[in-house]
Protein backbone atom coordinates (compact mmCIF):
# COMPACT_ATOMS: atom_id res chain seq x y z
CA MET A 1 -0.01 0.00 0.00
CA VAL A 2 1.12 3.51 -0.78
CA ASN A 3 -0.29 6.69 0.71
CA TYR A 4 -0.03 10.21 -0.64
CA PHE A 5 -0.53 13.30 1.51
CA SER A 6 -0.17 16.74 -0.01
CA GLU A 7 1.60 19.50 1.85
CA GLY A 8 -0.67 20.52 4.71
CA ASN A 9 -2.66 17.27 4.26
CA GLN A 10 -5.21 19.01 2.04
CA GLU A 11 -5.25 15.95 -0.25
CA MET A 12 -4.96 12.40 1.10
CA TYR A 13 -5.01 9.24 -1.02
CA ALA A 14 -4.39 5.52 -0.68
CA SER A 15 -3.33 3.15 -3.43
CA ILE A 16 -5.80 0.88 -5.17
CA GLY A 17 -4.53 -2.55 -6.21
CA ASP A 18 -6.87 -5.41 -7.07
CA LEU A 19 -10.48 -4.36 -6.41
CA SER A 20 -11.64 -7.99 -6.56
CA LYS A 21 -9.74 -8.71 -3.32
CA ASP A 22 -11.83 -8.69 -0.19
CA GLY A 23 -10.73 -8.79 3.40
CA GLU A 24 -7.84 -7.42 5.35
CA ALA A 25 -4.06 -7.63 5.02
CA VAL A 26 -2.16 -7.71 8.30
CA PHE A 27 1.50 -6.74 8.73
CA GLU A 28 4.06 -6.56 11.54
CA ASN A 29 2.41 -9.21 13.75
CA GLY A 30 -0.96 -7.48 13.71
CA LYS A 31 0.35 -3.95 14.14
CA TYR A 32 -0.96 -2.71 10.77
CA HIS A 33 -4.26 -3.60 9.10
CA ILE A 34 -5.24 -2.46 5.61
CA ALA A 35 -7.86 -3.45 3.06
CA GLU A 36 -6.62 -6.21 0.73
CA TYR A 37 -7.57 -4.19 -2.35
CA GLN A 38 -5.08 -1.47 -1.33
CA VAL A 39 -2.07 -3.80 -1.65
CA ILE A 40 -0.01 -3.14 -4.79
CA PRO A 41 2.99 -5.06 -6.17
CA ILE A 42 6.38 -3.97 -4.84
CA GLU A 43 7.50 -3.01 -8.35
CA LYS A 44 4.61 -0.53 -8.60
CA ALA A 45 5.33 0.83 -5.11
CA LEU A 46 9.00 1.41 -5.97
CA GLU A 47 8.11 3.05 -9.27
CA CYS A 48 5.64 5.24 -7.37
CA ALA A 49 8.32 6.28 -4.89
CA LEU A 50 10.73 7.21 -7.71
CA LEU A 51 8.09 9.28 -9.50
CA PHE A 52 7.28 11.07 -6.25
CA TRP A 53 10.97 11.71 -5.58
CA ASP A 54 11.31 13.38 -8.98
CA SER A 55 8.17 15.53 -8.89
CA GLN A 56 6.94 15.74 -5.27
CA GLU A 57 3.46 15.25 -6.81
CA LYS A 58 1.01 12.34 -6.59
CA PRO A 59 2.33 9.72 -9.04
CA ASN A 60 0.03 8.62 -11.86
CA ASN A 61 1.41 5.09 -12.34
CA ILE A 62 -1.22 3.59 -9.99
CA GLN A 63 -4.87 4.12 -9.16
CA TRP A 64 -5.79 6.12 -6.06
CA GLU A 65 -8.76 6.51 -3.76
CA GLU A 66 -9.35 9.68 -1.82
CA LEU A 67 -9.34 9.33 1.94
């Protein structure tokens, strides 16, 4: 999962992966819980991070949902 928060948190988004997935993904021994459909492949997450690094804007290589 990737999150995007604009400066001042005026815009907040979470990644959208596979919308057909239902349920919850749990990480770090139950410390973090997210919707399964928000999980994206690591390759997409890394590409997203690089695009953000270059532009400081919300990357367009993945789908987003507004929080």
